């Protein structure tokens, strides 16, 4: 079964996470410069079988899209142009950065590593992916 890849899109850096081939576990993969994201994805898709991409789509507390969406939507259009057969799904990513910070603290990560924002980005991507996996699991149950 192909992997699912998650993107936590940022203006400077983008966190990437992937599932295992069984689509059970979401694992942080890396953080890339957003400027290099499409090149990274082209290379990754050439090496790994991926058929679904999940992208964090931030919403405000009132459920309206956040300001970051005005940067994410153009990326999604570029993504769809570069990877026309690839499915891309938007997932609400509210609070993933703060949950990622807490997960690092709870996991005993040293403060110096928690201060490295690349860790927050890729862990946030794995949280986005984990929420998508949970949603898929709930859909199968219904």
C-alpha atoms as a PDB file:
ATOM      1  CA  UNK A   1       0.000   0.000   0.000  1.00  0.00           C
ATOM      2  CA  UNK A   2       1.394   3.459  -0.855  1.00  0.00           C
ATOM      3  CA  UNK A   3       2.362   5.896   1.879  1.00  0.00           C
ATOM      4  CA  UNK A   4       0.478   9.057   2.802  1.00  0.00           C
ATOM      5  CA  UNK A   5       2.567  12.214   3.148  1.00  0.00           C
ATOM      6  CA  UNK A   6       1.606  15.199   5.304  1.00  0.00           C
ATOM      7  CA  UNK A   7       2.657  18.810   4.877  1.00  0.00           C
ATOM      8  CA  UNK A   8       2.712  21.473   7.584  1.00  0.00           C
ATOM      9  CA  UNK A   9       3.183  24.438   5.241  1.00  0.00           C
ATOM     10  CA  UNK A  10       4.996  27.486   6.554  1.00  0.00           C
ATOM     11  CA  UNK A  11       6.288  30.690   5.032  1.00  0.00           C
ATOM     12  CA  UNK A  12       9.939  29.798   5.684  1.00  0.00           C
ATOM     13  CA  UNK A  13       9.934  26.093   6.591  1.00  0.00           C
ATOM     14  CA  UNK A  14       7.612  23.203   5.907  1.00  0.00           C
ATOM     15  CA  UNK A  15       7.325  20.118   8.053  1.00  0.00           C
ATOM     16  CA  UNK A  16       6.908  16.746   6.369  1.00  0.00           C
ATOM     17  CA  UNK A  17       5.615  13.499   7.864  1.00  0.00           C
ATOM     18  CA  UNK A  18       4.759  10.125   6.323  1.00  0.00           C
ATOM     19  CA  UNK A  19       2.891   6.984   7.177  1.00  0.00           C
ATOM     20  CA  UNK A  20       4.301   3.505   7.114  1.00  0.00           C
ATOM     21  CA  UNK A  21       3.184   1.320   4.196  1.00  0.00           C
ATOM     22  CA  UNK A  22       0.330  -0.086   6.296  1.00  0.00           C
ATOM     23  CA  UNK A  23      -0.946   3.459   6.955  1.00  0.00           C
ATOM     24  CA  UNK A  24      -1.031   2.910  10.691  1.00  0.00           C
ATOM     25  CA  UNK A  25       1.798   5.075  12.045  1.00  0.00           C
ATOM     26  CA  UNK A  26       2.532   8.740  11.280  1.00  0.00           C
ATOM     27  CA  UNK A  27       6.233   9.542  11.558  1.00  0.00           C
ATOM     28  CA  UNK A  28       7.976  12.931  11.328  1.00  0.00           C
ATOM     29  CA  UNK A  29      10.231  12.852   8.259  1.00  0.00           C
ATOM     30  CA  UNK A  30      11.991  16.182   7.833  1.00  0.00           C
ATOM     31  CA  UNK A  31      11.659  19.928   7.567  1.00  0.00           C
ATOM     32  CA  UNK A  32      12.513  21.631   4.278  1.00  0.00           C
ATOM     33  CA  UNK A  33      12.784  25.228   3.222  1.00  0.00           C
ATOM     34  CA  UNK A  34       9.421  26.143   1.728  1.00  0.00           C
ATOM     35  CA  UNK A  35      11.223  27.554  -1.302  1.00  0.00           C
ATOM     36  CA  UNK A  36      12.568  24.022  -1.981  1.00  0.00           C
ATOM     37  CA  UNK A  37       9.340  22.149  -1.190  1.00  0.00           C
ATOM     38  CA  UNK A  38       8.229  21.214  -4.718  1.00  0.00           C
ATOM     39  CA  UNK A  39      11.725  19.976  -5.598  1.00  0.00           C
ATOM     40  CA  UNK A  40      11.815  17.922  -2.402  1.00  0.00           C
ATOM     41  CA  UNK A  41       8.412  16.413  -3.216  1.00  0.00           C
ATOM     42  CA  UNK A  42       9.437  15.559  -6.804  1.00  0.00           C
ATOM     43  CA  UNK A  43      12.489  13.738  -5.492  1.00  0.00           C
ATOM     44  CA  UNK A  44      10.582  11.988  -2.708  1.00  0.00           C
ATOM     45  CA  UNK A  45       7.749  10.861  -4.992  1.00  0.00           C
ATOM     46  CA  UNK A  46      10.330   9.451  -7.429  1.00  0.00           C
ATOM     47  CA  UNK A  47      11.804   7.306  -4.614  1.00  0.00           C
ATOM     48  CA  UNK A  48       8.724   6.422  -2.557  1.00  0.00           C
ATOM     49  CA  UNK A  49       5.240   5.309  -3.491  1.00  0.00           C
ATOM     50  CA  UNK A  50       2.794   7.971  -2.266  1.00  0.00           C
ATOM     51  CA  UNK A  51      -0.789   8.290  -3.461  1.00  0.00           C
ATOM     52  CA  UNK A  52      -2.259  10.747  -0.965  1.00  0.00           C
ATOM     53  CA  UNK A  53      -1.018  14.047   0.432  1.00  0.00           C
ATOM     54  CA  UNK A  54      -2.548  15.699   3.468  1.00  0.00           C
ATOM     55  CA  UNK A  55      -1.922  19.399   4.044  1.00  0.00           C
ATOM     56  CA  UNK A  56      -2.587  21.349   7.194  1.00  0.00           C
ATOM     57  CA  UNK A  57      -5.260  23.951   6.559  1.00  0.00           C
ATOM     58  CA  UNK A  58      -5.422  26.291   9.558  1.00  0.00           C
ATOM     59  CA  UNK A  59      -8.711  27.646  10.784  1.00  0.00           C
ATOM     60  CA  UNK A  60      -9.551  30.234  13.393  1.00  0.00           C
ATOM     61  CA  UNK A  61     -11.645  29.473  16.454  1.00  0.00           C
ATOM     62  CA  UNK A  62     -14.753  30.649  14.567  1.00  0.00           C
ATOM     63  CA  UNK A  63     -14.010  27.921  11.965  1.00  0.00           C
ATOM     64  CA  UNK A  64     -13.093  30.415   9.236  1.00  0.00           C
ATOM     65  CA  UNK A  65      -9.794  29.984   7.366  1.00  0.00           C
ATOM     66  CA  UNK A  66      -6.832  31.740   8.983  1.00  0.00           C
ATOM     67  CA  UNK A  67      -4.665  34.301   7.213  1.00  0.00           C
ATOM     68  CA  UNK A  68      -2.121  31.565   6.382  1.00  0.00           C
ATOM     69  CA  UNK A  69      -4.624  30.074   3.934  1.00  0.00           C
ATOM     70  CA  UNK A  70      -3.847  32.881   1.459  1.00  0.00           C
ATOM     71  CA  UNK A  71      -0.347  31.347   1.201  1.00  0.00           C
ATOM     72  CA  UNK A  72      -1.442  27.705   1.284  1.00  0.00           C
ATOM     73  CA  UNK A  73      -4.035  27.945  -1.503  1.00  0.00           C
ATOM     74  CA  UNK A  74      -1.492  29.106  -4.143  1.00  0.00           C
ATOM     75  CA  UNK A  75       0.839  26.278  -3.053  1.00  0.00           C
ATOM     76  CA  UNK A  76      -1.999  23.769  -3.477  1.00  0.00           C
ATOM     77  CA  UNK A  77      -2.607  25.072  -7.012  1.00  0.00           C
ATOM     78  CA  UNK A  78       1.122  24.684  -7.828  1.00  0.00           C
ATOM     79  CA  UNK A  79       1.098  21.219  -6.276  1.00  0.00           C
ATOM     80  CA  UNK A  80      -1.898  20.138  -8.378  1.00  0.00           C
ATOM     81  CA  UNK A  81      -0.223  21.492 -11.514  1.00  0.00           C
ATOM     82  CA  UNK A  82       3.039  19.620 -10.762  1.00  0.00           C
ATOM     83  CA  UNK A  83       1.395  16.387  -9.568  1.00  0.00           C
ATOM     84  CA  UNK A  84      -1.880  16.161 -11.506  1.00  0.00           C
ATOM     85  CA  UNK A  85      -2.744  12.593 -10.447  1.00  0.00           C
ATOM     86  CA  UNK A  86      -1.964  13.027  -6.762  1.00  0.00           C
ATOM     87  CA  UNK A  87      -4.798  13.441  -4.296  1.00  0.00           C
ATOM     88  CA  UNK A  88      -4.410  16.313  -1.806  1.00  0.00           C
ATOM     89  CA  UNK A  89      -6.647  16.674   1.239  1.00  0.00           C
ATOM     90  CA  UNK A  90      -6.943  19.688   3.525  1.00  0.00           C
ATOM     91  CA  UNK A  91      -6.990  18.934   7.267  1.00  0.00           C
ATOM     92  CA  UNK A  92      -7.754  21.419  10.034  1.00  0.00           C
ATOM     93  CA  UNK A  93      -4.493  22.007  11.867  1.00  0.00           C
ATOM     94  CA  UNK A  94      -5.612  24.188  14.743  1.00  0.00           C
ATOM     95  CA  UNK A  95      -3.291  24.008  17.750  1.00  0.00           C
ATOM     96  CA  UNK A  96      -0.828  21.528  16.179  1.00  0.00           C
ATOM     97  CA  UNK A  97       2.202  23.682  16.981  1.00  0.00           C
ATOM     98  CA  UNK A  98       1.266  24.008  20.648  1.00  0.00           C
ATOM     99  CA  UNK A  99       0.430  20.286  20.849  1.00  0.00           C
ATOM    100  CA  UNK A 100       3.800  19.516  19.214  1.00  0.00           C
ATOM    101  CA  UNK A 101       5.584  21.688  21.790  1.00  0.00           C
ATOM    102  CA  UNK A 102       3.809  19.879  24.624  1.00  0.00           C
ATOM    103  CA  UNK A 103       4.599  16.471  23.093  1.00  0.00           C
ATOM    104  CA  UNK A 104       8.288  17.389  23.003  1.00  0.00           C
ATOM    105  CA  UNK A 105       8.177  18.441  26.662  1.00  0.00           C
ATOM    106  CA  UNK A 106       6.261  15.317  27.675  1.00  0.00           C
ATOM    107  CA  UNK A 107       8.717  13.185  25.703  1.00  0.00           C
ATOM    108  CA  UNK A 108      11.637  14.637  27.657  1.00  0.00           C
ATOM    109  CA  UNK A 109      13.213  16.491  24.735  1.00  0.00           C
ATOM    110  CA  UNK A 110      15.904  18.886  25.905  1.00  0.00           C
ATOM    111  CA  UNK A 111      15.099  22.577  25.751  1.00  0.00           C
ATOM    112  CA  UNK A 112      17.796  23.210  23.138  1.00  0.00           C
ATOM    113  CA  UNK A 113      16.143  20.701  20.762  1.00  0.00           C
ATOM    114  CA  UNK A 114      12.671  22.113  21.519  1.00  0.00           C
ATOM    115  CA  UNK A 115      13.931  25.556  20.517  1.00  0.00           C
ATOM    116  CA  UNK A 116      14.826  24.173  17.066  1.00  0.00           C
ATOM    117  CA  UNK A 117      11.717  25.103  15.086  1.00  0.00           C
ATOM    118  CA  UNK A 118      12.389  22.398  12.501  1.00  0.00           C
ATOM    119  CA  UNK A 119      11.444  19.836  15.165  1.00  0.00           C
ATOM    120  CA  UNK A 120       8.135  21.599  15.818  1.00  0.00           C
ATOM    121  CA  UNK A 121       7.382  21.715  12.072  1.00  0.00           C
ATOM    122  CA  UNK A 122       7.909  18.015  11.384  1.00  0.00           C
ATOM    123  CA  UNK A 123       6.143  16.937  14.586  1.00  0.00           C
ATOM    124  CA  UNK A 124       3.232  19.216  13.656  1.00  0.00           C
ATOM    125  CA  UNK A 125       3.110  17.493  10.260  1.00  0.00           C
ATOM    126  CA  UNK A 126       2.935  14.117  11.999  1.00  0.00           C
ATOM    127  CA  UNK A 127       0.062  15.375  14.184  1.00  0.00           C
ATOM    128  CA  UNK A 128      -1.812  16.528  11.076  1.00  0.00           C
ATOM    129  CA  UNK A 129      -1.228  13.119   9.531  1.00  0.00           C
ATOM    130  CA  UNK A 130      -2.281  11.299  12.696  1.00  0.00           C
ATOM    131  CA  UNK A 131      -5.556  13.243  12.790  1.00  0.00           C
ATOM    132  CA  UNK A 132      -6.193  12.296   9.142  1.00  0.00           C
ATOM    133  CA  UNK A 133      -5.475   8.630   9.930  1.00  0.00           C
ATOM    134  CA  UNK A 134      -7.910   8.765  12.848  1.00  0.00           C
ATOM    135  CA  UNK A 135     -10.565  10.309  10.611  1.00  0.00           C
ATOM    136  CA  UNK A 136     -10.065   7.528   8.043  1.00  0.00           C
ATOM    137  CA  UNK A 137     -10.391   4.951  10.796  1.00  0.00           C
ATOM    138  CA  UNK A 138     -13.671   6.529  11.970  1.00  0.00           C
ATOM    139  CA  UNK A 139     -15.010   6.635   8.400  1.00  0.00           C
ATOM    140  CA  UNK A 140     -14.325   2.903   8.003  1.00  0.00           C
ATOM    141  CA  UNK A 141     -16.244   2.182  11.222  1.00  0.00           C
ATOM    142  CA  UNK A 142     -19.362   4.001   9.989  1.00  0.00           C
END
